[in-house]
Each structure stands twice: as structure tokens, then as C-alpha cells.
Amino acid sequence: MASFGEALKKGLDAHKRAAEARKEMEEVLAAASAEVATITGAPIALRFETVEHAVREASHAEVLMGIPAPRQTITALAARLDTGPFTPLAEVTFGELGYPVRLRWENRFDSANDRASFEELLKAILEHSATGEKISALITGK
């Protein structure tokens, strides 16, 4: 049976590996952001954001009582203009060690197990017509 100290060492190592994986994904997003900004001519950054959104519409009774719709906080892959506006592109769930990272986007569920598969998944998201529509609307302010 492992001692408490050994258990803590494993936990600290797991935390370190998760941080390294997250840093790796952020490096991929930074490289993609530079290309997106060049192509669009707009200062757009792709990054992970914590956002809050409604889980569902408020019911009629909730509206009458002044109770807001229930909200949920998620991590999203977002495209953000440096002036502030942003649009979520995917909902993100990180694995315990960073990878696998799971992305839910446009009624799809995909996962990446390493840097190379994360890059390919990000390319798939960027080449989708819905992403093009969101980025265009972000740039034009519509």
C-alpha cells in the first residue's frame, strides 16, 4: 500500500503533466491565432475561455417570478477580438492529465490525445462553414 507521501508525489506529478499538456495546447492556439489574424486582417486570438451560458430558457413561471434561467460555467475554445467581443467555437473538457481533451462543436464530439491530434482537430474546426460564419460575424460585429 502506498504511503500518503507517495500518493502526494503522484498527484503533484499528475498536476505537472496536466499543466504541460495545457501549455502545449495554448502554444498550438497561439500559432493558429497568428495565422487567423494574418488571413482575416483582424486581431483575433483563439484561446480557452471560461464562459457562463444558460442551460435552458427560463420557464414562464420563472419569468413571472423574476427567476433567471439556470446557468452553467464551461470552458470554451473561443475566438476573441482584442477589443473584447468573442464567440465560442467549441465546449472543452480537459482530461485529468490535460489529454485527452474533448471538444463539443456543431453537434460533434471529438477528442485529441496529443499535440498532433489537437492540431488536426483545430484545423477541422477552423475549416467548418459554421466557424467561418462565426469568425465573419465577429469581425463585422453582426
C-alpha atoms as a PDB file:
ATOM      1  CA  MET A   1       0.000   0.000   0.000  1.00  0.00           C
ATOM      2  CA  ALA A   2       1.350   3.416  -0.974  1.00  0.00           C
ATOM      3  CA  SER A   3       2.114   5.938   1.724  1.00  0.00           C
ATOM      4  CA  PHE A   4       0.431   9.325   1.849  1.00  0.00           C
ATOM      5  CA  GLY A   5       3.684  10.927   0.721  1.00  0.00           C
ATOM      6  CA  GLU A   6       3.894   8.655  -2.322  1.00  0.00           C
ATOM      7  CA  ALA A   7       0.291   9.423  -3.139  1.00  0.00           C
ATOM      8  CA  LEU A   8       1.027  13.148  -2.959  1.00  0.00           C
ATOM      9  CA  LYS A   9       4.067  12.754  -5.227  1.00  0.00           C
ATOM     10  CA  LYS A  10       1.841  11.064  -7.801  1.00  0.00           C
ATOM     11  CA  GLY A  11      -0.682  13.885  -7.505  1.00  0.00           C
ATOM     12  CA  LEU A  12       1.992  16.537  -7.933  1.00  0.00           C
ATOM     13  CA  ASP A  13       3.382  14.701 -10.968  1.00  0.00           C
ATOM     14  CA  ALA A  14      -0.109  14.444 -12.465  1.00  0.00           C
ATOM     15  CA  HIS A  15      -0.610  18.179 -11.937  1.00  0.00           C
ATOM     16  CA  LYS A  16       2.715  18.921 -13.650  1.00  0.00           C
ATOM     17  CA  ARG A  17       1.840  16.749 -16.651  1.00  0.00           C
ATOM     18  CA  ALA A  18      -1.594  18.368 -16.955  1.00  0.00           C
ATOM     19  CA  ALA A  19      -0.043  21.857 -16.862  1.00  0.00           C
ATOM     20  CA  GLU A  20       2.480  20.860 -19.545  1.00  0.00           C
ATOM     21  CA  ALA A  21      -0.291  19.495 -21.779  1.00  0.00           C
ATOM     22  CA  ARG A  22      -2.364  22.658 -21.308  1.00  0.00           C
ATOM     23  CA  LYS A  23       0.689  24.797 -22.159  1.00  0.00           C
ATOM     24  CA  GLU A  24       1.219  22.708 -25.286  1.00  0.00           C
ATOM     25  CA  MET A  25      -2.389  23.269 -26.383  1.00  0.00           C
ATOM     26  CA  GLU A  26      -2.074  27.010 -25.730  1.00  0.00           C
ATOM     27  CA  GLU A  27       1.059  27.084 -27.917  1.00  0.00           C
ATOM     28  CA  VAL A  28      -0.951  25.491 -30.730  1.00  0.00           C
ATOM     29  CA  LEU A  29      -3.693  28.095 -30.231  1.00  0.00           C
ATOM     30  CA  ALA A  30      -1.124  30.909 -30.325  1.00  0.00           C
ATOM     31  CA  ALA A  31       0.303  29.639 -33.622  1.00  0.00           C
ATOM     32  CA  ALA A  32      -3.200  29.246 -35.075  1.00  0.00           C
ATOM     33  CA  SER A  33      -4.145  32.726 -33.820  1.00  0.00           C
ATOM     34  CA  ALA A  34      -1.230  34.289 -35.689  1.00  0.00           C
ATOM     35  CA  GLU A  35      -2.382  32.635 -38.919  1.00  0.00           C
ATOM     36  CA  VAL A  36      -6.036  33.571 -38.323  1.00  0.00           C
ATOM     37  CA  ALA A  37      -5.055  37.213 -37.723  1.00  0.00           C
ATOM     38  CA  THR A  38      -2.971  37.248 -40.904  1.00  0.00           C
ATOM     39  CA  ILE A  39      -5.735  35.725 -43.037  1.00  0.00           C
ATOM     40  CA  THR A  40      -8.567  37.868 -41.644  1.00  0.00           C
ATOM     41  CA  GLY A  41      -6.621  41.076 -41.119  1.00  0.00           C
ATOM     42  CA  ALA A  42      -8.314  41.278 -37.720  1.00  0.00           C
ATOM     43  CA  PRO A  43      -6.700  40.935 -34.286  1.00  0.00           C
ATOM     44  CA  ILE A  44      -8.388  37.623 -33.441  1.00  0.00           C
ATOM     45  CA  ALA A  45      -6.989  35.248 -30.841  1.00  0.00           C
ATOM     46  CA  LEU A  46      -8.049  31.651 -30.326  1.00  0.00           C
ATOM     47  CA  ARG A  47      -7.952  30.692 -26.665  1.00  0.00           C
ATOM     48  CA  PHE A  48      -9.591  28.798 -23.881  1.00  0.00           C
ATOM     49  CA  GLU A  49     -12.130  30.914 -22.004  1.00  0.00           C
ATOM     50  CA  THR A  50     -14.355  30.261 -19.036  1.00  0.00           C
ATOM     51  CA  VAL A  51     -17.850  31.345 -20.036  1.00  0.00           C
ATOM     52  CA  GLU A  52     -21.272  31.192 -18.494  1.00  0.00           C
ATOM     53  CA  HIS A  53     -24.327  30.306 -20.523  1.00  0.00           C
ATOM     54  CA  ALA A  54     -27.966  29.450 -19.955  1.00  0.00           C
ATOM     55  CA  VAL A  55     -28.687  25.740 -19.631  1.00  0.00           C
ATOM     56  CA  ARG A  56     -32.219  26.332 -20.896  1.00  0.00           C
ATOM     57  CA  GLU A  57     -34.718  29.123 -21.378  1.00  0.00           C
ATOM     58  CA  ALA A  58     -36.470  30.359 -18.245  1.00  0.00           C
ATOM     59  CA  SER A  59     -39.931  28.850 -17.893  1.00  0.00           C
ATOM     60  CA  HIS A  60     -42.984  31.063 -17.975  1.00  0.00           C
ATOM     61  CA  ALA A  61     -43.363  30.685 -14.190  1.00  0.00           C
ATOM     62  CA  GLU A  62     -39.703  31.578 -13.633  1.00  0.00           C
ATOM     63  CA  VAL A  63     -40.076  34.670 -15.799  1.00  0.00           C
ATOM     64  CA  LEU A  64     -43.172  35.773 -13.865  1.00  0.00           C
ATOM     65  CA  MET A  65     -41.331  35.310 -10.548  1.00  0.00           C
ATOM     66  CA  GLY A  66     -38.226  37.097 -11.828  1.00  0.00           C
ATOM     67  CA  ILE A  67     -36.088  33.975 -11.583  1.00  0.00           C
ATOM     68  CA  PRO A  68     -33.386  33.804 -14.250  1.00  0.00           C
ATOM     69  CA  ALA A  69     -32.789  30.694 -16.319  1.00  0.00           C
ATOM     70  CA  PRO A  70     -30.299  28.278 -14.765  1.00  0.00           C
ATOM     71  CA  ARG A  71     -26.734  28.969 -15.866  1.00  0.00           C
ATOM     72  CA  GLN A  72     -23.673  26.801 -16.250  1.00  0.00           C
ATOM     73  CA  THR A  73     -19.985  27.696 -16.372  1.00  0.00           C
ATOM     74  CA  ILE A  74     -17.974  25.918 -19.050  1.00  0.00           C
ATOM     75  CA  THR A  75     -14.562  26.097 -20.653  1.00  0.00           C
ATOM     76  CA  ALA A  76     -14.822  27.060 -24.301  1.00  0.00           C
ATOM     77  CA  LEU A  77     -12.491  27.348 -27.231  1.00  0.00           C
ATOM     78  CA  ALA A  78     -13.246  30.908 -28.270  1.00  0.00           C
ATOM     79  CA  ALA A  79     -12.255  33.366 -30.970  1.00  0.00           C
ATOM     80  CA  ARG A  80     -11.773  36.771 -29.356  1.00  0.00           C
ATOM     81  CA  LEU A  81     -11.117  40.175 -30.867  1.00  0.00           C
ATOM     82  CA  ASP A  82      -8.594  42.197 -28.906  1.00  0.00           C
ATOM     83  CA  THR A  83     -11.330  44.819 -28.465  1.00  0.00           C
ATOM     84  CA  GLY A  84     -13.300  42.374 -26.313  1.00  0.00           C
ATOM     85  CA  PRO A  85     -16.062  40.650 -28.279  1.00  0.00           C
ATOM     86  CA  PHE A  86     -15.754  36.887 -28.620  1.00  0.00           C
ATOM     87  CA  THR A  87     -17.586  33.885 -29.994  1.00  0.00           C
ATOM     88  CA  PRO A  88     -17.384  30.354 -28.596  1.00  0.00           C
ATOM     89  CA  LEU A  89     -16.340  27.762 -31.170  1.00  0.00           C
ATOM     90  CA  ALA A  90     -16.442  24.635 -29.003  1.00  0.00           C
ATOM     91  CA  GLU A  91     -17.083  23.439 -25.472  1.00  0.00           C
ATOM     92  CA  VAL A  92     -13.908  21.955 -23.986  1.00  0.00           C
ATOM     93  CA  THR A  93     -13.349  19.267 -21.357  1.00  0.00           C
ATOM     94  CA  PHE A  94      -9.779  18.543 -20.320  1.00  0.00           C
ATOM     95  CA  GLY A  95      -8.672  15.096 -19.254  1.00  0.00           C
ATOM     96  CA  GLU A  96      -7.145  14.632 -15.826  1.00  0.00           C
ATOM     97  CA  LEU A  97      -3.669  14.862 -17.353  1.00  0.00           C
ATOM     98  CA  GLY A  98      -4.594  17.528 -19.904  1.00  0.00           C
ATOM     99  CA  TYR A  99      -5.110  14.969 -22.628  1.00  0.00           C
ATOM    100  CA  PRO A 100      -7.364  13.636 -23.828  1.00  0.00           C
ATOM    101  CA  VAL A 101      -9.091  16.921 -24.446  1.00  0.00           C
ATOM    102  CA  ARG A 102     -12.663  16.640 -25.649  1.00  0.00           C
ATOM    103  CA  LEU A 103     -14.368  19.265 -27.791  1.00  0.00           C
ATOM    104  CA  ARG A 104     -18.078  19.507 -28.464  1.00  0.00           C
ATOM    105  CA  TRP A 105     -18.781  21.654 -31.501  1.00  0.00           C
ATOM    106  CA  GLU A 106     -21.507  21.880 -34.145  1.00  0.00           C
ATOM    107  CA  ASN A 107     -23.202  18.689 -32.883  1.00  0.00           C
ATOM    108  CA  ARG A 108     -19.907  16.815 -32.979  1.00  0.00           C
ATOM    109  CA  PHE A 109     -17.882  15.284 -30.191  1.00  0.00           C
ATOM    110  CA  ASP A 110     -14.165  14.920 -30.929  1.00  0.00           C
ATOM    111  CA  SER A 111     -11.118  14.296 -28.796  1.00  0.00           C
ATOM    112  CA  ALA A 112      -7.388  14.775 -29.110  1.00  0.00           C
ATOM    113  CA  ASN A 113      -4.812  12.644 -27.303  1.00  0.00           C
ATOM    114  CA  ASP A 114      -1.675  14.630 -28.104  1.00  0.00           C
ATOM    115  CA  ARG A 115      -0.395  17.781 -29.772  1.00  0.00           C
ATOM    116  CA  ALA A 116      -0.632  16.408 -33.317  1.00  0.00           C
ATOM    117  CA  SER A 117      -4.245  15.272 -32.934  1.00  0.00           C
ATOM    118  CA  PHE A 118      -5.154  18.589 -31.236  1.00  0.00           C
ATOM    119  CA  GLU A 119      -3.692  20.461 -34.223  1.00  0.00           C
ATOM    120  CA  GLU A 120      -5.723  18.319 -36.647  1.00  0.00           C
ATOM    121  CA  LEU A 121      -8.903  18.810 -34.628  1.00  0.00           C
ATOM    122  CA  LEU A 122      -8.362  22.571 -34.542  1.00  0.00           C
ATOM    123  CA  LYS A 123      -7.872  22.578 -38.326  1.00  0.00           C
ATOM    124  CA  ALA A 124     -11.152  20.660 -38.746  1.00  0.00           C
ATOM    125  CA  ILE A 125     -12.968  23.216 -36.598  1.00  0.00           C
ATOM    126  CA  LEU A 126     -11.461  26.153 -38.495  1.00  0.00           C
ATOM    127  CA  GLU A 127     -12.365  24.767 -41.917  1.00  0.00           C
ATOM    128  CA  HIS A 128     -16.009  24.167 -40.973  1.00  0.00           C
ATOM    129  CA  SER A 129     -18.534  26.577 -42.516  1.00  0.00           C
ATOM    130  CA  ALA A 130     -20.104  27.353 -39.128  1.00  0.00           C
ATOM    131  CA  THR A 131     -16.726  28.534 -37.823  1.00  0.00           C
ATOM    132  CA  GLY A 132     -16.300  30.695 -40.907  1.00  0.00           C
ATOM    133  CA  GLU A 133     -19.698  32.215 -40.231  1.00  0.00           C
ATOM    134  CA  LYS A 134     -18.860  32.889 -36.561  1.00  0.00           C
ATOM    135  CA  ILE A 135     -15.475  34.459 -37.364  1.00  0.00           C
ATOM    136  CA  SER A 136     -17.023  36.608 -40.093  1.00  0.00           C
ATOM    137  CA  ALA A 137     -19.760  37.803 -37.727  1.00  0.00           C
ATOM    138  CA  LEU A 138     -17.145  38.547 -35.069  1.00  0.00           C
ATOM    139  CA  ILE A 139     -15.170  40.710 -37.499  1.00  0.00           C
ATOM    140  CA  THR A 140     -18.205  42.582 -38.843  1.00  0.00           C
ATOM    141  CA  GLY A 141     -19.862  42.939 -35.461  1.00  0.00           C
ATOM    142  CA  LYS A 142     -23.072  41.238 -36.590  1.00  0.00           C
END
